[in-house]
Protein backbone atom coordinates (compact mmCIF):
# COMPACT_ATOMS: atom_id res chain seq x y z
CA MET A 1 -4.58 21.68 -25.91
CA LYS A 2 -4.73 18.03 -26.53
CA GLN A 3 -4.63 15.33 -24.16
CA ILE A 4 -2.76 11.92 -23.52
CA LEU A 5 -4.19 9.59 -20.76
CA PHE A 6 -2.16 7.02 -19.23
CA ILE A 7 -3.54 4.21 -17.87
CA ASN A 8 -2.65 1.46 -15.43
CA PRO A 9 -5.58 -1.59 -15.16
CA THR A 10 -6.42 -3.33 -12.06
CA ILE A 11 -6.79 -7.21 -12.18
CA ASN A 12 -10.45 -7.59 -11.08
CA ASN A 13 -12.22 -10.52 -9.57
CA THR A 14 -8.25 -11.92 -8.19
CA VAL A 15 -6.96 -12.08 -4.78
CA PHE A 16 -4.30 -9.58 -6.52
CA GLY A 17 -7.11 -7.09 -7.73
CA LYS A 18 -8.55 -7.14 -4.11
CA MET A 19 -5.40 -5.37 -2.74
CA LYS A 20 -5.68 -1.86 -3.48
CA MET A 21 -5.12 -0.36 -0.47
CA LEU A 22 -1.36 -1.89 -1.10
CA ALA A 23 -1.24 -0.22 -4.27
CA LEU A 24 1.59 2.05 -4.95
CA PRO A 25 1.76 4.92 -7.67
CA PRO A 26 2.77 3.55 -11.43
CA MET A 27 6.33 4.87 -11.43
CA GLY A 28 7.01 3.84 -15.29
CA LEU A 29 3.83 5.82 -16.02
CA GLY A 30 4.87 8.97 -14.26
CA VAL A 31 8.31 8.89 -15.92
CA LEU A 32 6.64 8.71 -19.15
CA ALA A 33 4.13 11.65 -18.37
CA SER A 34 7.13 13.65 -17.13
CA ARG A 35 8.73 13.56 -20.74
CA THR A 36 5.81 14.43 -22.44
CA PRO A 37 6.02 17.91 -24.41
CA GLU A 38 4.40 20.74 -22.24
CA HIS A 39 1.90 21.79 -24.79
CA TYR A 40 -0.12 18.20 -24.01
CA LYS A 41 -2.24 18.09 -21.02
CA VAL A 42 -1.43 14.63 -19.39
CA SER A 43 -3.37 12.24 -16.79
CA ILE A 44 -2.68 9.66 -15.16
CA ILE A 45 -5.56 6.97 -14.10
CA ASP A 46 -4.87 3.69 -11.98
CA GLU A 47 -7.43 1.78 -12.30
CA ASN A 48 -6.81 0.28 -8.67
CA LEU A 49 -7.76 3.60 -6.95
CA GLU A 50 -10.47 4.98 -9.45
CA ALA A 51 -12.74 3.58 -12.42
CA VAL A 52 -11.80 4.82 -16.26
CA ASP A 53 -14.06 7.00 -18.07
CA PHE A 54 -14.16 5.97 -21.22
CA ASN A 55 -15.81 9.15 -22.33
CA THR A 56 -12.75 11.30 -21.13
CA PRO A 57 -11.61 13.55 -23.67
CA ALA A 58 -8.07 12.22 -24.87
CA ASP A 59 -6.22 12.34 -27.83
CA LEU A 60 -3.79 9.40 -27.39
CA VAL A 61 -3.97 6.65 -24.62
CA ALA A 62 -1.07 4.88 -23.17
CA VAL A 63 -1.76 1.49 -21.06
CA THR A 64 0.94 -0.35 -19.28
CA ALA A 65 0.36 -3.96 -18.33
CA THR A 66 2.08 -6.80 -16.47
CA THR A 67 0.98 -10.38 -17.56
CA GLY A 68 -2.06 -10.44 -14.85
CA GLN A 69 -3.24 -6.95 -16.38
CA ALA A 70 -3.15 -7.94 -19.56
CA PRO A 71 -6.75 -9.25 -20.55
CA ARG A 72 -8.11 -5.98 -18.73
CA ALA A 73 -5.49 -3.79 -20.82
CA TYR A 74 -6.84 -4.86 -23.85
CA GLN A 75 -10.61 -4.30 -22.80
CA ILE A 76 -9.67 -0.75 -21.92
CA ILE A 77 -7.43 -0.26 -25.36
CA GLN A 78 -10.43 -1.97 -27.59
CA GLU A 79 -12.96 0.47 -25.87
CA PHE A 80 -11.25 3.63 -26.50
CA ILE A 81 -10.33 2.52 -30.08
CA LYS A 82 -14.16 2.11 -30.90
CA ARG A 83 -14.37 5.73 -29.94
CA GLY A 84 -11.68 6.35 -32.79
CA VAL A 85 -8.86 7.31 -29.92
CA PRO A 86 -5.51 5.94 -30.88
CA THR A 87 -4.02 3.63 -28.36
CA ILE A 88 -0.61 2.33 -27.50
CA MET A 89 0.49 -0.66 -25.20
CA GLY A 90 3.57 -1.02 -23.13
CA GLY A 91 5.15 -2.67 -20.12
CA ILE A 92 6.62 -6.15 -19.43
CA HIS A 93 3.73 -8.26 -20.82
CA ALA A 94 3.63 -6.39 -24.18
CA SER A 95 7.29 -6.40 -24.22
CA VAL A 96 7.76 -10.54 -24.27
CA MET A 97 3.94 -10.93 -26.00
CA THR A 98 4.39 -8.37 -28.76
CA GLU A 99 3.03 -9.92 -31.54
CA GLU A 100 -0.13 -10.58 -29.03
CA ALA A 101 -0.48 -7.12 -28.00
CA VAL A 102 -0.42 -5.59 -31.71
CA ARG A 103 -3.71 -7.61 -32.37
CA PHE A 104 -5.61 -5.12 -29.78
CA ALA A 105 -3.46 -2.01 -29.83
CA ASP A 106 -2.59 0.47 -32.38
CA SER A 107 1.08 0.47 -31.29
CA VAL A 108 3.22 -1.33 -28.95
CA ALA A 109 6.37 -0.15 -26.98
CA VAL A 110 8.75 -2.90 -26.40
CA GLY A 111 11.10 -2.51 -23.31
CA GLU A 112 11.62 0.48 -21.34
CA ALA A 113 10.22 3.38 -22.66
CA ASP A 114 11.90 6.21 -21.47
CA GLU A 115 14.13 7.30 -24.26
CA LEU A 116 11.04 5.78 -27.06
CA TRP A 117 8.19 7.92 -25.39
CA PRO A 118 9.51 11.35 -27.13
CA VAL A 119 9.84 9.59 -30.19
CA ILE A 120 6.16 8.29 -30.11
CA VAL A 121 4.86 11.13 -29.38
CA LYS A 122 6.79 12.92 -32.61
CA ASP A 123 5.06 10.23 -34.74
CA PHE A 124 1.64 10.62 -33.29
CA GLU A 125 1.96 14.54 -33.84
CA GLU A 126 2.88 13.62 -37.57
CA GLY A 127 0.19 11.09 -37.77
CA LYS A 128 2.20 8.12 -38.69
CA MET A 129 2.51 5.93 -35.46
CA LYS A 130 4.25 2.87 -36.25
CA LYS A 131 2.85 -0.94 -34.94
CA ILE A 132 5.73 -1.68 -33.11
CA TYR A 133 8.96 0.48 -31.16
CA ARG A 134 11.64 -1.45 -29.71
CA ALA A 135 14.31 0.25 -27.45
CA GLU A 136 17.41 -0.51 -28.57
CA ALA A 137 19.37 -0.56 -25.28
CA PHE A 138 18.81 0.23 -21.51
CA PRO A 139 18.50 3.52 -20.97
CA SER A 140 20.58 5.46 -18.58
CA LEU A 141 18.91 6.55 -15.39
CA GLU A 142 21.18 9.59 -15.29
CA LYS A 143 18.57 11.62 -17.08
CA ILE A 144 14.95 10.80 -15.81
CA PRO A 145 12.96 13.94 -15.36
CA LYS A 146 11.68 14.85 -12.11
CA ILE A 147 8.17 13.08 -11.80
CA ASN A 148 5.62 15.54 -11.16
CA ARG A 149 3.70 13.76 -7.99
CA LYS A 150 0.49 15.84 -8.60
CA LEU A 151 -0.73 13.41 -11.36
CA PHE A 152 -1.00 10.64 -9.02
CA SER A 153 -4.10 10.01 -7.14
CA LYS A 154 -4.12 11.43 -3.45
CA LYS A 155 -5.49 7.93 -2.77
CA TYR A 156 -2.16 5.86 -2.31
CA MET A 157 -1.46 5.45 1.32
CA ILE A 158 2.54 5.57 0.50
CA HIS A 159 4.14 7.00 -2.34
CA SER A 160 7.55 5.26 -4.08
CA VAL A 161 10.74 6.34 -5.33
CA GLN A 162 12.90 4.34 -7.78
CA THR A 163 16.82 4.63 -7.10
CA SER A 164 18.17 2.08 -9.72
CA ARG A 165 17.12 -0.29 -12.11
CA GLY A 166 18.01 -4.14 -13.07
CA CYS A 167 18.79 -6.88 -11.23
CA PRO A 168 21.80 -9.92 -12.01
CA CYS A 169 20.06 -12.78 -9.92
CA ASN A 170 18.28 -13.81 -13.17
CA CYS A 171 15.80 -16.39 -10.92
CA SER A 172 14.10 -18.77 -13.54
CA PHE A 173 10.38 -17.45 -12.31
CA CYS A 174 11.23 -13.45 -12.69
CA SER A 175 11.29 -11.59 -15.83
CA VAL A 176 12.97 -8.21 -14.19
CA THR A 177 16.48 -9.44 -15.71
CA ARG A 178 15.12 -9.29 -19.25
CA PHE A 179 13.24 -6.69 -19.08
CA ASN A 180 15.26 -4.05 -16.71
CA GLY A 181 18.87 -6.11 -17.67
CA ALA A 182 21.33 -7.70 -15.64
CA ARG A 183 23.31 -4.64 -14.61
CA TYR A 184 22.17 -2.31 -12.19
CA ARG A 185 21.75 1.18 -13.61
CA PHE A 186 21.66 4.08 -10.84
CA ARG A 187 20.00 7.29 -10.93
CA SER A 188 21.78 10.58 -9.54
CA ILE A 189 21.62 10.42 -5.78
CA PRO A 190 21.30 14.21 -5.63
CA ASP A 191 17.99 13.97 -7.97
CA VAL A 192 16.69 10.99 -5.85
CA ILE A 193 17.12 13.08 -2.52
CA GLU A 194 15.71 16.24 -4.31
CA GLU A 195 12.99 13.77 -5.38
CA ILE A 196 12.38 12.10 -1.91
CA GLU A 197 12.22 15.64 -0.32
CA GLU A 198 9.44 17.23 -2.40
CA ILE A 199 7.17 13.98 -0.86
CA GLU A 200 5.13 15.46 1.83
CA ASP A 201 4.44 12.53 3.82
CA ARG A 202 7.17 11.53 6.36
CA ARG A 203 7.00 7.86 4.91
CA PHE A 204 7.94 6.53 1.57
CA PHE A 205 9.17 3.44 -0.30
CA ILE A 206 11.85 2.95 -2.51
CA ALA A 207 10.80 0.70 -5.31
CA ASP A 208 13.84 -0.60 -6.43
CA ASP A 209 14.13 -4.51 -7.40
CA SER A 210 17.16 -4.18 -4.45
CA ILE A 211 18.05 -1.12 -2.78
CA VAL A 212 21.79 -2.96 -2.45
CA GLY A 213 23.24 -4.89 -5.24
CA LEU A 214 25.61 -7.77 -5.11
CA GLY A 215 28.67 -6.20 -6.23
CA PRO A 216 30.82 -3.53 -5.25
CA GLU A 217 29.34 -0.92 -7.46
CA GLY A 218 25.90 -1.62 -5.66
CA ILE A 219 27.30 -1.44 -2.41
CA ASP A 220 28.98 1.90 -2.94
CA HIS A 221 25.59 3.11 -4.27
CA ALA A 222 23.73 2.41 -1.28
CA LYS A 223 26.54 3.66 1.18
CA ARG A 224 26.37 7.17 -0.38
CA LEU A 225 22.29 7.10 -0.65
CA PHE A 226 22.21 6.06 2.92
CA LYS A 227 24.69 8.84 3.77
CA SER A 228 22.32 11.48 1.70
CA LEU A 229 19.27 9.93 3.24
CA LYS A 230 20.26 10.30 7.17
CA GLY A 231 19.26 13.85 8.63
CA LEU A 232 16.25 14.19 6.55
CA GLY A 233 13.74 13.00 9.15
CA LYS A 234 11.75 10.64 6.99
CA SER A 235 10.84 6.85 7.46
CA TRP A 236 11.12 4.22 4.94
CA GLY A 237 11.31 0.89 3.13
CA SER A 238 12.40 -0.78 0.14
CA GLN A 239 13.00 -4.22 -1.81
CA VAL A 240 16.48 -5.44 -0.86
CA CYS A 241 18.15 -8.55 -1.65
CA ILE A 242 18.81 -10.61 1.57
CA THR A 243 22.78 -10.17 0.86
CA ILE A 244 22.59 -7.11 2.54
CA ALA A 245 23.13 -8.84 5.88
CA GLU A 246 26.12 -10.01 5.24
CA HIS A 247 27.36 -5.80 5.62
CA ASP A 248 26.60 -4.96 9.32
CA ASP A 249 28.00 -1.21 8.53
CA LEU A 250 25.31 -1.43 5.81
CA LEU A 251 22.51 -2.55 8.22
CA LYS A 252 23.86 0.18 10.68
CA ALA A 253 23.82 2.82 7.93
CA ALA A 254 20.49 2.09 6.21
CA ALA A 255 19.02 2.15 9.77
CA GLU A 256 20.63 5.53 10.71
CA ALA A 257 19.06 6.51 7.29
CA GLY A 258 15.58 6.03 8.67
CA ALA A 259 15.28 2.25 7.13
CA ASN A 260 12.27 0.57 9.31
CA THR A 261 11.18 -2.10 6.78
CA PHE A 262 12.68 -4.47 3.97
CA TYR A 263 10.65 -6.52 1.71
CA ILE A 264 12.96 -9.56 1.16
CA GLY A 265 12.31 -12.51 -1.39
CA PHE A 266 13.39 -15.29 1.32
CA GLU A 267 11.20 -17.59 -1.88
CA SER A 268 11.59 -20.78 0.33
CA ILE A 269 12.97 -22.15 3.68
CA GLU A 270 14.32 -25.12 1.59
CA ALA A 271 17.65 -25.64 -0.14
CA GLU A 272 16.17 -27.92 -3.04
CA SER A 273 13.33 -25.22 -3.75
CA LEU A 274 15.57 -22.54 -4.13
CA LYS A 275 17.81 -24.58 -6.46
CA SER A 276 14.78 -25.44 -8.42
CA VAL A 277 14.49 -21.91 -9.06
CA ASN A 278 17.86 -20.34 -9.53
CA LYS A 279 17.53 -18.08 -6.56
CA ASN A 280 21.40 -19.41 -5.05
CA VAL A 281 22.10 -16.23 -3.77
CA ASN A 282 20.08 -17.26 -0.91
CA LEU A 283 22.32 -19.97 -0.09
CA ARG A 284 25.31 -18.13 0.49
CA PRO A 285 27.09 -19.10 3.62
CA MET A 286 26.38 -16.17 6.04
CA ILE A 287 22.51 -15.72 5.24
CA LYS A 288 21.47 -19.35 4.63
CA ASN A 289 20.65 -19.35 7.94
CA TYR A 290 17.24 -17.37 7.60
CA LYS A 291 16.88 -17.24 11.66
CA ASN A 292 20.03 -15.47 12.38
CA THR A 293 19.49 -13.19 9.29
CA ILE A 294 16.33 -12.04 10.72
CA ARG A 295 17.96 -11.54 14.20
CA LYS A 296 20.06 -9.17 12.38
CA PHE A 297 17.57 -7.13 10.77
CA HIS A 298 15.84 -6.76 14.09
CA ASP A 299 18.92 -5.72 15.78
CA HIS A 300 19.14 -2.57 14.08
CA GLY A 301 15.28 -2.38 14.36
CA ILE A 302 14.39 -3.14 11.07
CA GLY A 303 11.34 -5.15 10.37
CA VAL A 304 11.25 -7.77 7.89
CA ILE A 305 8.52 -8.76 5.19
CA GLY A 306 9.06 -12.18 3.57
CA GLY A 307 8.03 -13.03 0.03
CA PHE A 308 7.95 -16.95 0.14
CA ILE A 309 6.48 -18.78 -3.32
CA LEU A 310 4.90 -22.17 -2.68
CA GLY A 311 4.75 -25.11 -5.05
CA THR A 312 7.86 -25.09 -6.57
CA ASP A 313 9.33 -27.99 -7.92
CA GLY A 314 11.51 -28.67 -4.89
CA ASP A 315 8.13 -28.36 -2.84
CA THR A 316 6.71 -31.62 -1.40
CA LYS A 317 3.39 -31.62 0.78
CA GLU A 318 5.70 -30.89 3.91
CA ILE A 319 6.63 -27.36 2.77
CA PHE A 320 3.26 -25.82 4.02
CA ASP A 321 3.77 -26.94 7.68
CA LYS A 322 7.06 -25.92 7.41
CA THR A 323 6.72 -22.72 6.48
CA ILE A 324 4.19 -22.04 8.97
CA GLU A 325 6.38 -23.24 11.58
CA PHE A 326 9.12 -20.91 10.36
CA ILE A 327 6.94 -18.08 10.54
CA HIS A 328 6.31 -18.54 14.40
CA GLU A 329 9.69 -19.29 15.32
CA THR A 330 11.43 -16.92 13.40
CA GLY A 331 9.22 -13.77 14.54
CA ILE A 332 9.50 -12.77 10.61
CA ASP A 333 7.53 -9.54 11.11
CA GLY A 334 5.21 -9.57 7.54
CA SER A 335 4.86 -12.49 4.98
CA GLN A 336 3.56 -12.89 1.77
CA PHE A 337 2.90 -16.28 0.11
CA THR A 338 2.25 -16.66 -3.68
CA ILE A 339 1.93 -19.59 -5.76
CA MET A 340 4.65 -20.62 -8.19
CA THR A 341 3.67 -18.94 -11.59
CA PRO A 342 5.34 -19.07 -14.75
CA PHE A 343 5.36 -15.46 -16.45
CA PRO A 344 5.60 -15.70 -20.34
CA GLY A 345 9.01 -14.37 -20.98
CA THR A 346 10.67 -16.55 -17.90
CA ARG A 347 13.00 -19.32 -18.21
CA LEU A 348 9.92 -20.98 -16.01
CA TYR A 349 7.29 -20.50 -18.50
CA SER A 350 9.60 -22.24 -21.05
CA GLN A 351 10.17 -25.08 -19.20
CA VAL A 352 6.62 -25.95 -17.79
CA GLU A 353 5.41 -25.34 -21.64
CA LYS A 354 7.71 -27.71 -23.04
CA GLU A 355 6.63 -30.29 -20.17
CA GLY A 356 2.85 -29.56 -21.03
CA ARG A 357 1.95 -28.72 -17.25
CA LEU A 358 0.51 -25.57 -17.91
CA LEU A 359 -3.41 -25.83 -16.71
CA PHE A 360 -4.82 -22.50 -18.57
CA THR A 361 -3.58 -21.63 -22.07
CA ASN A 362 -6.43 -20.03 -23.78
CA TYR A 363 -4.86 -16.77 -23.87
CA PRO A 364 -5.53 -13.65 -24.02
CA GLU A 365 -8.18 -14.34 -21.70
CA ASP A 366 -6.52 -16.90 -19.23
CA TRP A 367 -3.30 -14.53 -18.75
CA VAL A 368 -5.82 -12.98 -15.82
CA LYS A 369 -4.63 -16.03 -13.79
CA TYR A 370 -1.24 -15.42 -14.05
CA ASN A 371 -1.42 -13.27 -11.00
CA ALA A 372 1.24 -15.40 -8.30
CA TYR A 373 -2.35 -16.34 -6.40
CA GLU A 374 -3.90 -18.88 -8.86
CA ALA A 375 -2.36 -22.52 -9.65
CA VAL A 376 -1.80 -22.40 -13.28
CA ILE A 377 0.35 -25.05 -13.61
CA GLN A 378 0.49 -28.91 -12.27
CA PRO A 379 2.83 -29.44 -9.56
CA ARG A 380 5.56 -31.67 -9.84
CA ASN A 381 5.56 -33.29 -6.29
CA MET A 382 1.80 -32.82 -5.37
CA THR A 383 -1.97 -32.35 -6.54
CA ILE A 384 -3.21 -29.18 -7.35
CA ASP A 385 -5.86 -29.48 -4.73
CA GLU A 386 -3.21 -29.83 -2.47
CA LEU A 387 -1.11 -27.06 -3.04
CA VAL A 388 -4.35 -24.59 -3.17
CA ALA A 389 -5.18 -26.43 -0.16
CA GLY A 390 -1.92 -25.59 1.45
CA TRP A 391 -1.27 -22.17 0.43
CA ARG A 392 -4.84 -21.14 2.11
CA ASN A 393 -4.00 -23.16 5.57
CA VAL A 394 -0.64 -20.99 5.60
CA TYR A 395 -2.48 -18.14 5.35
CA SER A 396 -4.95 -18.85 7.69
CA GLU A 397 -1.96 -20.20 10.03
CA THR A 398 -0.04 -16.90 10.16
CA SER A 399 -1.79 -14.00 9.13
CA SER A 400 -5.68 -14.61 10.51
CA PRO A 401 -6.63 -11.58 12.67
CA VAL A 402 -5.37 -12.84 15.89
CA ARG A 403 -2.30 -14.36 14.76
CA SER A 404 -1.67 -11.01 12.74
CA LEU A 405 -2.09 -9.01 16.25
CA ARG A 406 0.37 -11.51 17.87
CA ARG A 407 2.79 -10.75 15.62
CA SER A 408 2.77 -7.40 15.51
CA LEU A 409 3.16 -7.66 19.19
CA LYS A 410 6.45 -9.85 18.62
CA THR A 411 7.72 -7.20 16.10
CA LEU A 412 7.16 -4.15 18.54
CA MET A 413 9.22 -6.50 21.23
CA ASN A 414 11.91 -7.54 18.42
CA THR A 415 12.29 -4.04 16.81
CA GLY A 416 11.04 -1.47 19.70
CA SER A 417 9.43 0.18 16.86
CA VAL A 418 5.25 0.76 16.77
CA VAL A 419 5.68 2.10 13.21
CA ASN A 420 7.36 -1.47 12.24
CA ALA A 421 4.16 -3.31 14.63
CA SER A 422 1.69 -1.37 12.47
CA ILE A 423 3.21 -1.33 9.47
CA ASN A 424 3.12 -5.60 9.93
CA LEU A 425 -0.04 -5.65 11.27
CA PHE A 426 -1.54 -4.01 8.44
CA TRP A 427 0.13 -6.06 5.93
CA ASN A 428 -0.21 -9.31 6.98
CA TYR A 429 -4.04 -8.77 7.95
CA TYR A 430 -4.59 -7.23 4.44
CA ASN A 431 -3.03 -10.00 2.53
CA TYR A 432 -5.20 -12.29 4.56
CA LYS A 433 -8.28 -10.27 3.90
CA ALA A 434 -7.78 -10.14 0.32
CA VAL A 435 -7.27 -13.77 0.28
CA ARG A 436 -10.47 -14.16 2.01
CA ASP A 437 -12.65 -11.50 0.57
CA SER A 438 -11.78 -13.30 -3.21
CA GLY A 439 -14.39 -15.95 -1.98
CA MET A 440 -11.68 -18.44 -0.68
CA ASN A 441 -12.06 -20.32 2.71
CA ILE A 442 -8.91 -19.87 4.33
CA ASP A 443 -10.31 -19.84 8.13
CA ALA A 444 -9.17 -22.20 10.36
CA PRO A 445 -9.14 -22.71 14.22
CA LEU A 446 -7.12 -20.99 16.32
């Protein structure tokens, strides 16, 4: 029986690479593995959790990669090519940097590969694989087969499911709209529920870019999903657009369905910074007061993990102290602070490249720095040293062990949930620890 090996590379020696305990199963590889004919043996290796054995018997190796993973993906691919194993690369980086990727891999899949994969496997069987396969359209999610979760490592702390793809927000720093489209596509809710029921753990994560869309179709989908989740006895978290706070009935339904934590891209507390990255949805009248919005989630017993980007073109040096003050004042439960990063294929990348502000352009080696935890562009309103020092200080002042514990206790008071308090204690401290263990000196007096 021939074997196909799917690989998700790590980002070694970076802050992002230190966050192995926060790893989620590579859902895209799970989908492709499930679409592989039964006469193949398939394996999935996530290098965040286990090492790649290059002597593993394999007849075809398929590697996915984001931009930060690309250099390691190329290394892995080249090692298998040396052993005479055919390789194919897919994922978002190969889709936007196709001509680069074909220099390293035997074949490249561009776009969502759900419907490409059966064609690729057939060509492999016939010994006539093409250099480039391009998805002609965004595939329907109604046909996604059930993922065989036995293929995933048992080391993941939490499993995830996906109910939709796509995002209409089209923020300048984000490549989701280009890769997954501007229109939400939904999976069949009965199929989603069946998949969730097969997850042995009581807790899981919904890995959509936003579990609630911006229009009526997305809201209707969320209502039906929450109704179906109610009564399963499961507890879950999800990424969600902040616009869910405009709908008290949705928040209530989500809480009753087992929602305990939402990850929300606040991006910045400054209006000018939000405008500079086209995150205008966060400026809508009912939600632009972040403090009141966070309170709404807490009133429903739902914790909030906020994503913040530092170093946008709208930021000045004052953004760091203002962000620290915001974290403590609002009682936001968890936080993740990244540095403005222009990923290839985004409008932001095109802009800063044109302006000559890219600091590292020795590609593909320098792509490893494009992981959202390193300064790779010249900031507009501060020096590079000021940006990095300010970012470090934000982590120190909000997420050190003592501060993480204090915030966890505040979460317990705000939501009345020991689970929420534990999740956010772990989240804040582990992000802090990853930055600290990367060799960066972020400790400051309490």
